[in-house]
Amino acid sequence: MIVEFPEDGEKMSGCRQQRVELIGICTLPDLEVRVQEEIHNSPPLVVSPQVYVSPFEMNCIVMDFGIRNIHSIVESVRELVLTAKNFVPCVWKLQHVSSERLKQQLRGKSRLTLAEEEILRSADDVSVFAVGNEEGIVHGPTIPYRKLPLPAKLVGQSLMPRAQGHSDSEKYQPSCIPVRFRPKEAIYYRSSFHIECLHGGRGFDVILQGCGSFDEEDDLRMDAGLLFGEHKVAPEMWHGM
């Protein structure tokens, strides 16, 4: 739209009023959160009479680490993948939400569901969940998340034509939050977190849960491959594990 104003001293003749309507669209940040390598326990696993892991569906996002050996030297790692659906940058912040208020409300009820009894028996210990980063920014639209990156030798050798990459393509990668589960006792841990999307964006509730165990069968070293951290251990080193 071009609007011209008369210069100083210029006479205006034959002028008439015109009405111009301006329409604008305000777009809010649109954040999406999902769990990478989530584990579902089905059927329910009974660890002990005092500890119970439930597969009940919940409205919030649940990151379940399953049952892990306390003395395992292999870390149990999951990832929260944050993506932005539109072009509005999403500034996010992760905060812990204490479950004490919820437990007080449940103690006042005469009858509890199995899921509510599970919450009462759980331990809200944030120290067993090591969160990689607690705040950041996601630029969008985010590039689709790829769990396993392409090998370097395959990049640029596709049979089909590929578009040239942009210099700022790294800026639009998903934001990944690594979470490590390090249980201290053979009990059920459950902690609630809230991902706040600033500037009017929709937030998310995330629950981190897992059980500690002394059983050898719950040690990740017993799985095929025998991983040491993120690297495979050579057979000659197995006896030292």
Protein backbone atom coordinates (compact mmCIF):
# COMPACT_ATOMS: atom_id res chain seq x y z
CA MET A 1 0.00 0.00 0.00
CA ILE A 2 1.44 3.37 -1.07
CA VAL A 3 0.14 6.58 0.50
CA GLU A 4 1.27 9.94 -0.90
CA PHE A 5 1.00 13.15 1.10
CA PRO A 6 0.94 16.62 -0.53
CA GLU A 7 4.11 18.64 -0.17
CA ASP A 8 4.23 21.89 1.76
CA GLY A 9 2.53 24.72 -0.13
CA GLU A 10 0.90 22.39 -2.64
CA LYS A 11 -2.77 23.10 -3.21
CA MET A 12 -5.15 20.20 -2.88
CA SER A 13 -8.09 20.08 -5.24
CA GLY A 14 -10.63 17.39 -5.85
CA CYS A 15 -9.65 15.43 -2.79
CA ARG A 16 -11.89 12.76 -1.38
CA GLN A 17 -11.64 10.50 1.59
CA GLN A 18 -10.79 6.86 1.21
CA ARG A 19 -11.09 4.15 3.82
CA VAL A 20 -8.45 1.45 3.93
CA GLU A 21 -8.90 -1.64 6.10
CA LEU A 22 -5.78 -3.30 7.47
CA ILE A 23 -6.01 -6.95 8.50
CA GLY A 24 -3.29 -8.63 10.53
CA ILE A 25 -2.85 -12.15 11.85
CA CYS A 26 -1.12 -12.72 15.19
CA THR A 27 0.48 -16.16 15.40
CA LEU A 28 1.44 -17.68 18.74
CA PRO A 29 4.26 -20.18 19.25
CA ASP A 30 3.14 -23.76 18.59
CA LEU A 31 5.32 -26.22 20.49
CA GLU A 32 5.16 -30.01 20.15
CA VAL A 33 6.81 -32.42 22.61
CA ARG A 34 7.30 -36.17 22.25
CA VAL A 35 9.35 -38.86 23.93
CA GLN A 36 12.05 -40.72 22.05
CA GLU A 37 12.50 -44.41 22.94
CA GLU A 38 9.60 -44.51 25.35
CA ILE A 39 9.02 -47.83 27.16
CA HIS A 40 5.51 -49.11 27.90
CA ASN A 41 5.03 -51.71 30.62
CA SER A 42 2.21 -53.98 29.53
CA PRO A 43 1.07 -56.02 31.36
CA PRO A 44 1.76 -54.16 34.64
CA LEU A 45 4.98 -55.12 36.40
CA VAL A 46 4.75 -55.89 40.12
CA VAL A 47 8.16 -55.19 41.64
CA SER A 48 7.18 -55.68 45.28
CA PRO A 49 4.03 -55.26 47.41
CA GLN A 50 5.05 -51.64 47.94
CA VAL A 51 6.06 -50.75 44.38
CA TYR A 52 3.81 -50.91 41.34
CA VAL A 53 4.38 -49.70 37.78
CA SER A 54 1.18 -48.87 35.97
CA PRO A 55 0.60 -48.64 32.20
CA PHE A 56 -2.47 -46.41 32.60
CA GLU A 57 -2.86 -43.77 29.92
CA MET A 58 -2.51 -40.21 31.14
CA ASN A 59 -3.28 -36.84 29.59
CA CYS A 60 0.28 -35.63 30.07
CA ILE A 61 3.47 -36.90 28.46
CA VAL A 62 4.99 -39.85 30.33
CA MET A 63 8.65 -40.80 30.05
CA ASP A 64 8.94 -44.30 31.53
CA PHE A 65 12.38 -45.73 32.27
CA GLY A 66 11.03 -49.09 33.39
CA ILE A 67 12.99 -51.06 36.00
CA ARG A 68 16.70 -50.37 36.28
CA ASN A 69 19.42 -51.86 38.46
CA ILE A 70 20.78 -49.47 41.07
CA HIS A 71 24.41 -50.52 40.64
CA SER A 72 24.39 -50.55 36.84
CA ILE A 73 27.19 -48.60 35.20
CA VAL A 74 25.20 -48.36 31.97
CA GLU A 75 23.08 -45.23 31.90
CA SER A 76 19.39 -45.38 31.07
CA VAL A 77 18.81 -42.44 28.71
CA ARG A 78 15.66 -41.07 27.08
CA GLU A 79 15.11 -37.87 25.09
CA LEU A 80 12.40 -35.25 25.00
CA VAL A 81 12.17 -33.91 21.43
CA LEU A 82 10.83 -30.35 21.10
CA THR A 83 9.69 -29.06 17.70
CA ALA A 84 7.97 -25.89 16.49
CA LYS A 85 5.14 -26.20 13.98
CA ASN A 86 5.13 -22.60 12.71
CA PHE A 87 7.65 -19.85 12.04
CA VAL A 88 7.29 -18.20 15.47
CA PRO A 89 10.33 -18.90 17.71
CA CYS A 90 9.32 -20.79 20.84
CA VAL A 91 11.14 -19.91 24.04
CA TRP A 92 10.65 -22.78 26.48
CA LYS A 93 11.49 -23.43 30.10
CA LEU A 94 11.37 -26.68 32.09
CA GLN A 95 10.37 -26.52 35.77
CA HIS A 96 9.77 -29.16 38.43
CA VAL A 97 6.27 -29.35 39.93
CA SER A 98 6.08 -30.73 43.46
CA SER A 99 3.60 -33.57 43.99
CA GLU A 100 3.08 -32.86 47.70
CA ARG A 101 -0.11 -30.88 47.13
CA LEU A 102 -1.58 -33.63 44.97
CA LYS A 103 -0.70 -36.27 47.57
CA GLN A 104 -2.41 -34.25 50.32
CA GLN A 105 -5.59 -34.14 48.26
CA LEU A 106 -5.45 -37.89 47.66
CA ARG A 107 -4.95 -38.64 51.36
CA GLY A 108 -8.28 -36.97 52.09
CA LYS A 109 -10.22 -39.27 49.76
CA SER A 110 -11.98 -42.33 51.13
CA ARG A 111 -11.52 -44.39 47.98
CA LEU A 112 -8.58 -44.33 45.63
CA THR A 113 -8.05 -45.76 42.19
CA LEU A 114 -5.05 -47.92 41.45
CA ALA A 115 -3.39 -45.03 39.63
CA GLU A 116 -3.95 -42.71 42.62
CA GLU A 117 -2.51 -45.29 45.04
CA GLU A 118 0.51 -45.48 42.77
CA ILE A 119 1.04 -41.72 43.11
CA LEU A 120 0.86 -41.91 46.91
CA ARG A 121 3.49 -44.67 47.05
CA SER A 122 5.87 -42.92 44.66
CA ALA A 123 8.96 -40.96 45.68
CA ASP A 124 9.30 -37.47 44.22
CA ASP A 125 13.10 -37.27 44.12
CA VAL A 126 14.31 -35.00 41.33
CA SER A 127 17.95 -35.94 41.89
CA VAL A 128 17.49 -39.37 40.26
CA PHE A 129 16.51 -37.72 36.96
CA ALA A 130 19.42 -35.85 35.37
CA VAL A 131 17.97 -33.40 32.84
CA GLY A 132 20.37 -32.15 30.17
CA ASN A 133 19.07 -28.59 29.76
CA GLU A 134 16.15 -26.75 31.35
CA GLU A 135 15.58 -23.85 28.94
CA GLY A 136 16.16 -22.91 25.33
CA ILE A 137 14.59 -21.75 22.09
CA VAL A 138 13.17 -23.70 19.16
CA HIS A 139 12.99 -22.08 15.72
CA GLY A 140 10.39 -23.21 13.26
CA PRO A 141 9.11 -24.69 11.19
CA THR A 142 11.41 -27.37 12.58
CA ILE A 143 13.13 -29.87 10.33
CA PRO A 144 11.64 -33.37 10.78
CA TYR A 145 13.46 -35.25 13.52
CA ARG A 146 15.74 -38.07 12.38
CA LYS A 147 16.63 -40.57 15.09
CA LEU A 148 19.69 -41.93 13.27
CA PRO A 149 21.59 -39.39 11.12
CA LEU A 150 22.65 -40.41 7.64
CA PRO A 151 26.24 -41.70 7.36
CA ALA A 152 28.65 -39.12 6.00
CA LYS A 153 29.43 -41.31 2.99
CA LEU A 154 25.76 -41.33 1.94
CA VAL A 155 25.19 -37.60 2.18
CA GLY A 156 25.14 -36.07 -1.29
CA GLN A 157 25.12 -39.44 -3.09
CA SER A 158 21.37 -39.90 -3.46
CA LEU A 159 20.04 -41.13 -6.82
CA MET A 160 17.23 -38.59 -6.65
CA PRO A 161 17.98 -34.87 -7.03
CA ARG A 162 18.35 -32.99 -3.77
CA ALA A 163 17.83 -29.34 -3.01
CA GLN A 164 20.83 -27.35 -1.86
CA GLY A 165 21.03 -27.02 1.91
CA HIS A 166 20.60 -23.63 3.53
CA SER A 167 23.34 -22.02 5.55
CA ASP A 168 21.06 -21.71 8.59
CA SER A 169 19.47 -25.17 8.40
CA GLU A 170 21.15 -26.15 11.67
CA LYS A 171 19.14 -23.44 13.37
CA TYR A 172 15.87 -25.25 12.63
CA GLN A 173 16.84 -28.61 14.07
CA PRO A 174 14.64 -30.04 16.87
CA SER A 175 15.71 -29.33 20.42
CA CYS A 176 16.49 -32.57 22.28
CA ILE A 177 16.53 -32.78 26.08
CA PRO A 178 18.43 -35.86 27.30
CA VAL A 179 17.18 -37.33 30.58
CA ARG A 180 19.16 -39.93 32.55
CA PHE A 181 17.64 -42.16 35.21
CA ARG A 182 19.91 -42.99 38.17
CA PRO A 183 17.88 -44.72 40.92
CA LYS A 184 19.25 -44.76 44.47
CA GLU A 185 16.90 -47.28 46.10
CA ALA A 186 14.60 -50.12 45.06
CA ILE A 187 11.49 -47.95 45.04
CA TYR A 188 9.18 -46.33 42.50
CA TYR A 189 10.20 -42.79 41.48
CA ARG A 190 7.78 -40.34 39.92
CA SER A 191 8.41 -36.63 39.33
CA SER A 192 6.29 -34.09 37.47
CA PHE A 193 7.64 -31.31 35.28
CA HIS A 194 6.05 -28.51 33.28
CA ILE A 195 7.40 -27.20 29.98
CA GLU A 196 6.34 -23.57 29.73
CA CYS A 197 6.21 -22.00 26.29
CA LEU A 198 6.65 -18.25 26.76
CA HIS A 199 4.85 -15.49 24.84
CA GLY A 200 1.45 -17.20 24.82
CA GLY A 201 2.40 -20.67 23.63
CA ARG A 202 0.82 -23.89 24.88
CA GLY A 203 2.65 -25.65 27.70
CA PHE A 204 3.05 -29.36 28.43
CA ASP A 205 3.11 -31.50 31.55
CA VAL A 206 5.76 -34.23 31.60
CA ILE A 207 6.04 -37.10 34.08
CA LEU A 208 9.35 -38.90 34.59
CA GLN A 209 9.01 -42.28 36.25
CA GLY A 210 11.02 -45.42 36.84
CA CYS A 211 11.82 -48.13 39.39
CA GLY A 212 15.08 -49.02 41.07
CA SER A 213 15.99 -52.67 41.55
CA PHE A 214 18.71 -54.92 42.95
CA ASP A 215 17.98 -57.79 40.53
CA GLU A 216 20.70 -58.61 38.03
CA GLU A 217 18.15 -59.18 35.29
CA ASP A 218 17.26 -55.47 35.46
CA ASP A 219 20.86 -54.48 34.69
CA LEU A 220 21.29 -53.03 31.20
CA ARG A 221 24.62 -54.83 30.96
CA MET A 222 22.66 -58.07 30.62
CA ASP A 223 21.12 -56.90 27.33
CA ALA A 224 22.53 -58.00 24.00
CA GLY A 225 25.48 -55.90 22.91
CA LEU A 226 26.73 -55.09 26.41
CA LEU A 227 26.89 -51.33 26.13
CA PHE A 228 29.28 -49.31 28.22
CA GLY A 229 27.82 -45.83 28.34
CA GLU A 230 27.19 -45.12 24.66
CA HIS A 231 29.97 -47.37 23.32
CA LYS A 232 30.09 -51.13 22.88
CA VAL A 233 32.43 -53.00 25.16
CA ALA A 234 34.98 -55.36 23.67
CA PRO A 235 34.59 -59.06 24.67
CA GLU A 236 37.89 -59.06 26.55
CA MET A 237 36.48 -56.42 28.91
CA TRP A 238 33.30 -58.30 29.80
CA HIS A 239 34.85 -60.02 32.82
CA GLY A 240 35.52 -56.64 34.42
CA MET A 241 31.86 -55.69 34.28
